[in-house]
Amino acid sequence: MENDQKFLEYVVTSLVDHPEDVKINRTVDEMGVLLTLSVHKDDMGKIIGRSGATAKAIRTVLRVVGMKHDARVNLKIEEPEGSERSAGGGSYQRDTSVDDVIADLKGER
């Protein structure tokens, strides 16, 4: 196992509640190293963090680890099957009109 993969495994297994479900796939091509991370669906929030801050920090440190070994390291986080993501992050559907939202806020619906 390479240093970048060991580092990612250590960080991710320390963050999640289901470390046994952490899977990391490492591929190398002309673009550099790609680490593909798969975790339990309940742990996705811990890996992504608020507004993606945790994922961004992990990617930044992985790039530093890669630079130390003259490699470009990228991280892809796979969305687990059965996870639920809302479109746009809000509680309204995409086809909800602005008038419907305003009426809802005013308590008219």
N, C-alpha and C. Protein backbone atom coordinates (compact mmCIF):
# COMPACT_ATOMS: atom_id res chain seq x y z
N MET A 1 0.86 -1.17 0.00
CA MET A 1 0.00 0.00 0.00
C MET A 1 0.91 1.24 0.00
N GLU A 2 0.58 2.19 -0.85
CA GLU A 2 1.38 3.41 -0.99
C GLU A 2 1.08 4.39 0.14
N ASN A 3 1.99 5.35 0.32
CA ASN A 3 1.85 6.34 1.41
C ASN A 3 0.56 7.14 1.32
N ASP A 4 0.18 7.57 0.10
CA ASP A 4 -1.05 8.36 -0.04
C ASP A 4 -2.27 7.54 0.35
N GLN A 5 -2.30 6.28 -0.02
CA GLN A 5 -3.43 5.42 0.32
C GLN A 5 -3.46 5.12 1.81
N LYS A 6 -2.30 4.90 2.41
CA LYS A 6 -2.23 4.67 3.86
C LYS A 6 -2.73 5.89 4.62
N PHE A 7 -2.29 7.08 4.18
CA PHE A 7 -2.72 8.31 4.83
C PHE A 7 -4.24 8.46 4.76
N LEU A 8 -4.79 8.28 3.56
CA LEU A 8 -6.24 8.43 3.39
C LEU A 8 -6.99 7.42 4.25
N GLU A 9 -6.53 6.20 4.28
CA GLU A 9 -7.19 5.18 5.10
C GLU A 9 -7.16 5.56 6.59
N TYR A 10 -6.02 6.04 7.06
CA TYR A 10 -5.90 6.44 8.46
C TYR A 10 -6.87 7.57 8.80
N VAL A 11 -6.91 8.60 7.96
CA VAL A 11 -7.78 9.76 8.23
C VAL A 11 -9.25 9.35 8.19
N VAL A 12 -9.63 8.65 7.15
CA VAL A 12 -11.05 8.31 6.97
C VAL A 12 -11.53 7.35 8.04
N THR A 13 -10.75 6.32 8.36
CA THR A 13 -11.20 5.37 9.39
C THR A 13 -11.28 6.02 10.76
N SER A 14 -10.51 7.10 10.96
CA SER A 14 -10.60 7.83 12.23
C SER A 14 -11.86 8.67 12.31
N LEU A 15 -12.41 9.07 11.18
CA LEU A 15 -13.58 9.94 11.15
C LEU A 15 -14.92 9.21 11.19
N VAL A 16 -14.97 8.02 10.62
CA VAL A 16 -16.26 7.35 10.41
C VAL A 16 -16.67 6.44 11.57
N ASP A 17 -17.96 6.10 11.58
CA ASP A 17 -18.51 5.17 12.57
C ASP A 17 -18.41 3.72 12.11
N HIS A 18 -18.24 3.52 10.80
CA HIS A 18 -18.18 2.18 10.22
C HIS A 18 -16.85 2.01 9.47
N PRO A 19 -15.73 1.92 10.20
CA PRO A 19 -14.43 1.81 9.52
C PRO A 19 -14.28 0.54 8.69
N GLU A 20 -15.05 -0.48 9.01
CA GLU A 20 -14.96 -1.73 8.24
C GLU A 20 -15.51 -1.57 6.82
N ASP A 21 -16.31 -0.54 6.58
CA ASP A 21 -16.89 -0.30 5.25
C ASP A 21 -16.06 0.65 4.39
N VAL A 22 -14.94 1.10 4.89
CA VAL A 22 -14.08 2.01 4.12
C VAL A 22 -13.32 1.20 3.08
N LYS A 23 -13.47 1.61 1.81
CA LYS A 23 -12.76 0.96 0.72
C LYS A 23 -12.06 2.03 -0.11
N ILE A 24 -10.79 1.81 -0.39
CA ILE A 24 -10.02 2.77 -1.18
C ILE A 24 -9.42 2.02 -2.37
N ASN A 25 -9.69 2.55 -3.55
CA ASN A 25 -9.13 1.98 -4.77
C ASN A 25 -8.13 2.98 -5.33
N ARG A 26 -6.92 2.51 -5.63
CA ARG A 26 -5.85 3.39 -6.13
C ARG A 26 -5.52 3.03 -7.56
N THR A 27 -5.61 4.01 -8.46
CA THR A 27 -5.23 3.80 -9.85
C THR A 27 -4.23 4.88 -10.25
N VAL A 28 -3.31 4.51 -11.13
CA VAL A 28 -2.28 5.43 -11.61
C VAL A 28 -2.36 5.47 -13.12
N ASP A 29 -2.36 6.68 -13.68
CA ASP A 29 -2.30 6.85 -15.13
C ASP A 29 -1.43 8.06 -15.44
N GLU A 30 -1.47 8.52 -16.68
CA GLU A 30 -0.62 9.65 -17.08
C GLU A 30 -1.00 10.96 -16.38
N MET A 31 -2.21 11.03 -15.84
CA MET A 31 -2.66 12.23 -15.13
C MET A 31 -2.21 12.23 -13.67
N GLY A 32 -1.79 11.10 -13.15
CA GLY A 32 -1.38 11.00 -11.76
C GLY A 32 -2.08 9.87 -11.04
N VAL A 33 -2.25 10.04 -9.74
CA VAL A 33 -2.86 9.02 -8.89
C VAL A 33 -4.31 9.42 -8.60
N LEU A 34 -5.21 8.47 -8.74
CA LEU A 34 -6.60 8.69 -8.39
C LEU A 34 -6.97 7.72 -7.27
N LEU A 35 -7.37 8.29 -6.13
CA LEU A 35 -7.85 7.49 -5.02
C LEU A 35 -9.37 7.60 -5.00
N THR A 36 -10.03 6.46 -5.11
CA THR A 36 -11.49 6.42 -5.09
C THR A 36 -11.92 5.88 -3.74
N LEU A 37 -12.68 6.70 -3.01
CA LEU A 37 -13.10 6.38 -1.65
C LEU A 37 -14.56 5.97 -1.62
N SER A 38 -14.83 4.88 -0.94
CA SER A 38 -16.18 4.40 -0.73
C SER A 38 -16.38 4.18 0.76
N VAL A 39 -17.46 4.74 1.32
CA VAL A 39 -17.76 4.59 2.74
C VAL A 39 -19.22 4.21 2.93
N HIS A 40 -19.58 3.83 4.13
CA HIS A 40 -20.96 3.51 4.50
C HIS A 40 -21.82 4.75 4.28
N LYS A 41 -23.07 4.55 3.85
CA LYS A 41 -23.92 5.71 3.53
C LYS A 41 -24.16 6.61 4.74
N ASP A 42 -24.14 6.08 5.95
CA ASP A 42 -24.35 6.91 7.14
C ASP A 42 -23.13 7.77 7.47
N ASP A 43 -21.98 7.45 6.89
CA ASP A 43 -20.75 8.20 7.17
C ASP A 43 -20.43 9.28 6.14
N MET A 44 -21.23 9.39 5.10
CA MET A 44 -20.94 10.37 4.05
C MET A 44 -20.85 11.79 4.59
N GLY A 45 -21.73 12.16 5.48
CA GLY A 45 -21.73 13.51 6.05
C GLY A 45 -20.44 13.82 6.80
N LYS A 46 -19.89 12.83 7.45
CA LYS A 46 -18.65 13.04 8.20
C LYS A 46 -17.47 13.24 7.25
N ILE A 47 -17.49 12.56 6.11
CA ILE A 47 -16.40 12.69 5.15
C ILE A 47 -16.52 13.98 4.35
N ILE A 48 -17.72 14.36 3.97
CA ILE A 48 -17.92 15.58 3.19
C ILE A 48 -17.77 16.80 4.09
N GLY A 49 -18.39 16.79 5.26
CA GLY A 49 -18.31 17.93 6.17
C GLY A 49 -19.27 19.04 5.78
N ARG A 50 -19.34 20.04 6.61
CA ARG A 50 -20.22 21.17 6.36
C ARG A 50 -19.73 21.94 5.14
N SER A 51 -20.59 22.07 4.14
CA SER A 51 -20.27 22.74 2.87
C SER A 51 -19.04 22.16 2.20
N GLY A 52 -18.74 20.89 2.45
CA GLY A 52 -17.62 20.23 1.80
C GLY A 52 -16.26 20.54 2.39
N ALA A 53 -16.23 21.14 3.57
CA ALA A 53 -14.97 21.57 4.16
C ALA A 53 -14.04 20.41 4.50
N THR A 54 -14.58 19.33 5.04
CA THR A 54 -13.73 18.19 5.41
C THR A 54 -13.13 17.54 4.16
N ALA A 55 -13.95 17.33 3.15
CA ALA A 55 -13.46 16.73 1.90
C ALA A 55 -12.39 17.61 1.26
N LYS A 56 -12.60 18.90 1.29
CA LYS A 56 -11.62 19.84 0.71
C LYS A 56 -10.30 19.76 1.48
N ALA A 57 -10.37 19.69 2.80
CA ALA A 57 -9.16 19.60 3.62
C ALA A 57 -8.41 18.29 3.35
N ILE A 58 -9.14 17.19 3.23
CA ILE A 58 -8.51 15.90 2.94
C ILE A 58 -7.82 15.96 1.58
N ARG A 59 -8.50 16.54 0.58
CA ARG A 59 -7.90 16.66 -0.76
C ARG A 59 -6.64 17.52 -0.73
N THR A 60 -6.67 18.60 0.03
CA THR A 60 -5.50 19.48 0.13
C THR A 60 -4.30 18.76 0.71
N VAL A 61 -4.51 18.05 1.81
CA VAL A 61 -3.40 17.33 2.44
C VAL A 61 -2.92 16.18 1.55
N LEU A 62 -3.83 15.53 0.83
CA LEU A 62 -3.42 14.48 -0.10
C LEU A 62 -2.53 15.04 -1.21
N ARG A 63 -2.82 16.23 -1.67
CA ARG A 63 -1.97 16.86 -2.68
C ARG A 63 -0.58 17.11 -2.13
N VAL A 64 -0.49 17.51 -0.87
CA VAL A 64 0.80 17.74 -0.24
C VAL A 64 1.57 16.42 -0.13
N VAL A 65 0.88 15.36 0.28
CA VAL A 65 1.51 14.04 0.36
C VAL A 65 2.02 13.64 -1.03
N GLY A 66 1.21 13.89 -2.04
CA GLY A 66 1.61 13.57 -3.41
C GLY A 66 2.82 14.38 -3.86
N MET A 67 2.86 15.67 -3.55
CA MET A 67 3.99 16.51 -3.94
C MET A 67 5.28 16.01 -3.32
N LYS A 68 5.20 15.52 -2.10
CA LYS A 68 6.38 15.00 -1.42
C LYS A 68 6.97 13.81 -2.18
N HIS A 69 6.12 13.09 -2.91
CA HIS A 69 6.56 11.92 -3.65
C HIS A 69 6.48 12.15 -5.17
N ASP A 70 6.49 13.42 -5.58
CA ASP A 70 6.46 13.80 -7.00
C ASP A 70 5.29 13.17 -7.76
N ALA A 71 4.12 13.21 -7.17
CA ALA A 71 2.93 12.65 -7.82
C ALA A 71 1.76 13.61 -7.62
N ARG A 72 0.87 13.61 -8.57
CA ARG A 72 -0.37 14.39 -8.45
C ARG A 72 -1.45 13.43 -7.95
N VAL A 73 -2.01 13.75 -6.79
CA VAL A 73 -2.99 12.85 -6.16
C VAL A 73 -4.35 13.54 -6.15
N ASN A 74 -5.35 12.83 -6.66
CA ASN A 74 -6.73 13.31 -6.65
C ASN A 74 -7.60 12.33 -5.89
N LEU A 75 -8.67 12.86 -5.29
CA LEU A 75 -9.60 12.03 -4.51
C LEU A 75 -10.98 12.12 -5.11
N LYS A 76 -11.57 10.96 -5.35
CA LYS A 76 -12.96 10.86 -5.80
C LYS A 76 -13.73 10.15 -4.71
N ILE A 77 -14.80 10.76 -4.25
CA ILE A 77 -15.64 10.15 -3.21
C ILE A 77 -16.90 9.62 -3.90
N GLU A 78 -17.08 8.31 -3.84
CA GLU A 78 -18.24 7.70 -4.47
C GLU A 78 -19.46 7.83 -3.58
N GLU A 79 -20.58 8.15 -4.20
CA GLU A 79 -21.83 8.23 -3.45
C GLU A 79 -22.37 6.81 -3.26
N PRO A 80 -22.59 6.41 -2.01
CA PRO A 80 -23.05 5.03 -1.77
C PRO A 80 -24.47 4.80 -2.27
N GLU A 81 -24.75 3.55 -2.60
CA GLU A 81 -26.10 3.20 -3.02
C GLU A 81 -27.06 3.37 -1.86
N GLY A 82 -28.24 3.88 -2.16
CA GLY A 82 -29.25 4.06 -1.13
C GLY A 82 -29.14 5.37 -0.39
N SER A 83 -28.16 6.20 -0.73
CA SER A 83 -28.07 7.49 -0.05
C SER A 83 -29.10 8.44 -0.65
N GLU A 84 -29.53 9.37 0.17
CA GLU A 84 -30.54 10.32 -0.27
C GLU A 84 -29.94 11.71 -0.27
N ARG A 85 -29.97 12.33 -1.44
CA ARG A 85 -29.46 13.69 -1.57
C ARG A 85 -30.58 14.55 -2.13
N SER A 86 -30.81 15.66 -1.51
CA SER A 86 -31.86 16.54 -2.02
C SER A 86 -31.28 17.46 -3.08
N ALA A 87 -32.07 17.77 -4.09
CA ALA A 87 -31.63 18.66 -5.16
C ALA A 87 -31.53 20.07 -4.62
N GLY A 88 -30.35 20.65 -4.65
CA GLY A 88 -30.16 22.01 -4.19
C GLY A 88 -30.00 22.13 -2.70
N GLY A 89 -30.15 21.08 -1.95
CA GLY A 89 -29.92 21.12 -0.52
C GLY A 89 -31.10 21.62 0.29
N GLY A 90 -32.15 22.10 -0.34
CA GLY A 90 -33.30 22.62 0.40
C GLY A 90 -34.37 21.57 0.56
N SER A 91 -35.47 21.97 1.20
CA SER A 91 -36.54 21.01 1.42
C SER A 91 -37.62 21.10 0.36
N TYR A 92 -37.45 21.96 -0.65
CA TYR A 92 -38.44 22.11 -1.71
C TYR A 92 -37.98 21.38 -2.96
N GLN A 93 -38.94 20.87 -3.71
CA GLN A 93 -38.63 20.21 -4.98
C GLN A 93 -38.27 21.27 -6.03
N ARG A 94 -37.61 20.84 -7.09
CA ARG A 94 -37.18 21.77 -8.14
C ARG A 94 -38.36 22.42 -8.86
N ASP A 95 -39.47 21.72 -8.97
CA ASP A 95 -40.60 22.27 -9.72
C ASP A 95 -41.52 23.14 -8.85
N THR A 96 -41.14 23.41 -7.60
CA THR A 96 -41.92 24.28 -6.73
C THR A 96 -41.70 25.72 -7.16
N SER A 97 -42.80 26.47 -7.33
CA SER A 97 -42.67 27.85 -7.78
C SER A 97 -42.35 28.77 -6.59
N VAL A 98 -41.86 29.94 -6.90
CA VAL A 98 -41.55 30.93 -5.88
C VAL A 98 -42.82 31.33 -5.14
N ASP A 99 -43.94 31.44 -5.86
CA ASP A 99 -45.21 31.79 -5.23
C ASP A 99 -45.65 30.74 -4.21
N ASP A 100 -45.42 29.48 -4.52
CA ASP A 100 -45.75 28.40 -3.58
C ASP A 100 -44.91 28.51 -2.31
N VAL A 101 -43.63 28.81 -2.47
CA VAL A 101 -42.74 28.93 -1.32
C VAL A 101 -43.16 30.11 -0.45
N ILE A 102 -43.46 31.24 -1.06
CA ILE A 102 -43.88 32.43 -0.32
C ILE A 102 -45.18 32.16 0.42
N ALA A 103 -46.13 31.52 -0.26
CA ALA A 103 -47.41 31.18 0.38
C ALA A 103 -47.18 30.24 1.55
N ASP A 104 -46.25 29.32 1.39
CA ASP A 104 -45.93 28.39 2.48
C ASP A 104 -45.34 29.15 3.67
N LEU A 105 -44.45 30.10 3.39
CA LEU A 105 -43.83 30.88 4.45
C LEU A 105 -44.85 31.75 5.19
N LYS A 106 -45.83 32.25 4.45
CA LYS A 106 -46.86 33.09 5.06
C LYS A 106 -47.91 32.27 5.80
N GLY A 107 -47.84 30.94 5.63
CA GLY A 107 -48.81 30.07 6.30
C GLY A 107 -50.11 29.98 5.56
N GLU A 108 -50.12 30.32 4.28
CA GLU A 108 -51.34 30.27 3.49
C GLU A 108 -51.60 28.91 2.88
N ARG A 109 -50.67 27.99 3.07
CA ARG A 109 -50.85 26.65 2.49
C ARG A 109 -50.92 25.62 3.57
